[in-house]
């Protein structure tokens, strides 16, 4: 779905211009996204399998919830909205813990360039997995995977089934979640 988004400079500052998401991807203009990683108190991470119709990385496993921040939309409002849309979970902004902003530059093709700043959050999943409702147009499947199995799978280059984020991104996510689990 195309939508109007704010355009940023390469340092992540607002340029006070907007464009359609498709135009930003075509031209390699920086913009903002939200990533929300959900984890359970017993050490599992919720993963989303990208829809088979996605332009990039179809059917690969990825962050629990992700999406573009609409033009003029607050980061937290976008995060809460995306969680509701993609997995049918109602959360409040106070459930989210921001752990960083990650710059990502991916040139998928001449006409598809993802130049993004991922505003990244973690949150404990307190709702039963069976109560989640995936958005069929965006999400092929959902699964819970133990942190131990996730780390093992990320290191298995012969059978890699995940969106290829930078390893430092994954390390930060896993460290932050592990820190929360160790304090429970």
Protein backbone atom coordinates (compact mmCIF):
# COMPACT_ATOMS: atom_id res chain seq x y z
CA UNK A 1 0.00 0.00 0.00
CA UNK A 2 1.36 3.40 -0.95
CA UNK A 3 1.24 6.16 1.63
CA UNK A 4 2.54 9.67 2.21
CA UNK A 5 5.70 9.74 4.34
CA UNK A 6 8.14 12.34 5.67
CA UNK A 7 11.51 12.57 3.91
CA UNK A 8 14.70 12.78 5.97
CA UNK A 9 18.26 13.80 5.18
CA UNK A 10 21.06 11.18 5.39
CA UNK A 11 21.60 12.11 9.07
CA UNK A 12 17.97 11.41 9.97
CA UNK A 13 16.81 15.02 10.19
CA UNK A 14 13.43 16.08 8.83
CA UNK A 15 13.62 17.88 5.50
CA UNK A 16 10.06 19.21 5.89
CA UNK A 17 9.08 17.54 2.63
CA UNK A 18 6.83 14.56 2.02
CA UNK A 19 6.52 12.01 -0.75
CA UNK A 20 4.68 8.83 -1.51
CA UNK A 21 6.46 5.75 -0.14
CA UNK A 22 6.85 4.38 -3.68
CA UNK A 23 8.58 7.58 -4.78
CA UNK A 24 10.94 7.49 -1.78
CA UNK A 25 11.84 3.87 -2.57
CA UNK A 26 12.36 4.64 -6.26
CA UNK A 27 14.66 7.59 -5.54
CA UNK A 28 16.45 6.33 -2.43
CA UNK A 29 15.13 9.04 -0.14
CA UNK A 30 15.58 8.50 3.57
CA UNK A 31 12.45 7.97 5.64
CA UNK A 32 11.32 6.53 8.99
CA UNK A 33 9.99 3.13 9.97
CA UNK A 34 9.06 1.42 13.21
CA UNK A 35 10.26 -2.03 14.26
CA UNK A 36 8.64 -3.71 17.24
CA UNK A 37 10.20 -6.89 18.65
CA UNK A 38 7.88 -8.81 20.97
CA UNK A 39 9.22 -11.40 23.40
CA UNK A 40 7.72 -13.69 26.03
CA UNK A 41 8.76 -14.01 29.66
CA UNK A 42 9.99 -17.54 28.93
CA UNK A 43 12.53 -16.44 26.33
CA UNK A 44 10.75 -16.63 23.00
CA UNK A 45 10.63 -14.01 20.25
CA UNK A 46 7.62 -13.44 18.02
CA UNK A 47 8.65 -13.60 14.37
CA UNK A 48 6.64 -12.62 11.33
CA UNK A 49 6.93 -14.33 7.96
CA UNK A 50 6.64 -11.68 5.28
CA UNK A 51 3.77 -12.09 2.83
CA UNK A 52 4.40 -13.93 -0.42
CA UNK A 53 3.36 -10.85 -2.45
CA UNK A 54 5.96 -8.56 -0.85
CA UNK A 55 8.38 -6.87 -3.29
CA UNK A 56 11.39 -7.60 -1.11
CA UNK A 57 12.19 -10.65 0.98
CA UNK A 58 8.89 -12.47 0.42
CA UNK A 59 8.35 -15.39 2.81
CA UNK A 60 11.45 -14.61 4.88
CA UNK A 61 11.11 -14.31 8.66
CA UNK A 62 11.49 -10.87 10.19
CA UNK A 63 10.81 -8.56 13.11
CA UNK A 64 7.50 -9.13 14.96
CA UNK A 65 5.96 -5.98 13.48
CA UNK A 66 7.30 -3.29 11.15
CA UNK A 67 5.93 -0.46 9.09
CA UNK A 68 6.40 3.00 7.69
CA UNK A 69 5.64 6.08 9.73
CA UNK A 70 3.02 8.19 7.99
CA UNK A 71 3.67 11.85 7.18
CA UNK A 72 3.16 13.90 10.33
CA UNK A 73 2.44 10.80 12.41
CA UNK A 74 4.23 10.39 15.73
CA UNK A 75 6.62 7.48 16.08
CA UNK A 76 4.71 5.95 19.02
CA UNK A 77 1.33 6.34 17.30
CA UNK A 78 2.75 4.57 14.26
CA UNK A 79 4.17 1.73 16.38
CA UNK A 80 0.88 1.16 18.20
CA UNK A 81 -1.05 1.31 14.90
CA UNK A 82 1.25 -1.16 13.14
CA UNK A 83 0.99 -3.69 15.98
CA UNK A 84 -2.82 -3.50 15.80
CA UNK A 85 -2.87 -3.77 11.99
CA UNK A 86 -0.33 -6.55 11.49
CA UNK A 87 -1.02 -8.91 14.41
CA UNK A 88 -4.33 -7.70 15.86
CA UNK A 89 -2.82 -6.84 19.23
CA UNK A 90 -3.97 -3.75 21.10
CA UNK A 91 -1.12 -2.18 23.04
CA UNK A 92 -0.46 1.24 24.47
CA UNK A 93 2.62 3.35 23.90
CA UNK A 94 3.63 2.70 27.53
CA UNK A 95 4.08 -1.00 26.65
CA UNK A 96 6.88 -0.09 24.23
CA UNK A 97 10.50 0.43 25.18
CA UNK A 98 12.60 2.22 22.57
CA UNK A 99 16.06 0.70 22.26
CA UNK A 100 17.47 2.69 19.37
CA UNK A 101 17.35 4.08 15.87
CA UNK A 102 19.12 2.04 13.22
CA UNK A 103 20.11 3.41 9.83
CA UNK A 104 19.63 0.94 6.99
CA UNK A 105 20.63 1.41 3.35
CA UNK A 106 19.56 -1.39 0.99
CA UNK A 107 19.67 -1.14 -2.79
CA UNK A 108 17.37 -3.94 -3.90
CA UNK A 109 17.24 -2.83 -7.55
CA UNK A 110 17.54 0.30 -9.68
CA UNK A 111 13.95 1.18 -8.80
CA UNK A 112 13.74 -0.09 -5.22
CA UNK A 113 16.03 1.51 -2.66
CA UNK A 114 15.24 1.23 1.05
CA UNK A 115 16.96 4.10 2.83
CA UNK A 116 15.44 3.98 6.27
CA UNK A 117 15.83 4.89 9.90
CA UNK A 118 14.27 2.10 11.98
CA UNK A 119 12.87 3.38 15.28
CA UNK A 120 13.16 0.12 17.19
CA UNK A 121 11.18 -0.99 20.21
CA UNK A 122 10.87 -4.09 22.35
CA UNK A 123 7.85 -5.14 24.39
CA UNK A 124 6.82 -8.17 26.37
CA UNK A 125 4.09 -10.21 24.70
CA UNK A 126 1.59 -10.86 27.47
CA UNK A 127 -1.26 -11.98 25.23
CA UNK A 128 -1.52 -15.67 24.31
CA UNK A 129 -0.04 -16.46 20.90
CA UNK A 130 -3.38 -18.02 19.87
CA UNK A 131 -5.10 -14.63 20.27
CA UNK A 132 -2.93 -12.92 17.64
CA UNK A 133 -4.53 -12.27 14.25
CA UNK A 134 -2.20 -11.79 11.32
CA UNK A 135 -2.96 -9.28 8.59
CA UNK A 136 -3.32 -11.54 5.56
CA UNK A 137 -2.19 -8.92 3.03
CA UNK A 138 1.11 -8.34 4.85
CA UNK A 139 1.86 -11.40 6.94
CA UNK A 140 2.12 -15.01 5.78
CA UNK A 141 2.60 -16.54 9.24
CA UNK A 142 3.60 -15.86 12.84
CA UNK A 143 5.69 -18.03 15.14
CA UNK A 144 7.37 -17.98 18.50
CA UNK A 145 11.00 -19.04 18.47
CA UNK A 146 13.32 -19.43 21.44
CA UNK A 147 16.15 -16.93 21.59
CA UNK A 148 18.60 -19.84 21.58
CA UNK A 149 17.08 -21.29 18.39
CA UNK A 150 16.91 -17.83 16.78
CA UNK A 151 20.63 -17.25 17.39
CA UNK A 152 21.44 -20.71 16.02
CA UNK A 153 19.31 -20.08 12.91
CA UNK A 154 20.90 -16.67 12.28
CA UNK A 155 24.31 -18.37 12.19
CA UNK A 156 23.18 -21.13 9.80
CA UNK A 157 24.19 -19.64 6.46
CA UNK A 158 23.34 -22.85 4.59
CA UNK A 159 19.63 -22.54 5.42
CA UNK A 160 19.10 -18.83 6.10
CA UNK A 161 15.42 -17.86 6.25
CA UNK A 162 15.54 -14.36 7.75
CA UNK A 163 15.53 -10.83 6.36
CA UNK A 164 19.24 -9.95 6.21
CA UNK A 165 19.52 -7.10 8.69
CA UNK A 166 23.00 -6.07 9.80
CA UNK A 167 24.35 -8.48 12.42
CA UNK A 168 24.88 -5.58 14.86
CA UNK A 169 21.14 -4.88 14.65
CA UNK A 170 20.27 -8.47 15.62
CA UNK A 171 22.91 -8.45 18.38
CA UNK A 172 21.45 -5.29 19.90
CA UNK A 173 17.90 -6.66 19.82
CA UNK A 174 18.93 -9.96 21.41
CA UNK A 175 21.06 -8.27 24.07
CA UNK A 176 18.28 -5.87 25.05
CA UNK A 177 15.69 -8.65 25.28
CA UNK A 178 18.08 -10.89 27.22
CA UNK A 179 18.75 -8.07 29.69
CA UNK A 180 15.00 -7.71 30.33
CA UNK A 181 14.57 -11.47 30.76
CA UNK A 182 17.46 -11.65 33.22
CA UNK A 183 15.81 -9.00 35.38
CA UNK A 184 12.49 -10.88 35.57
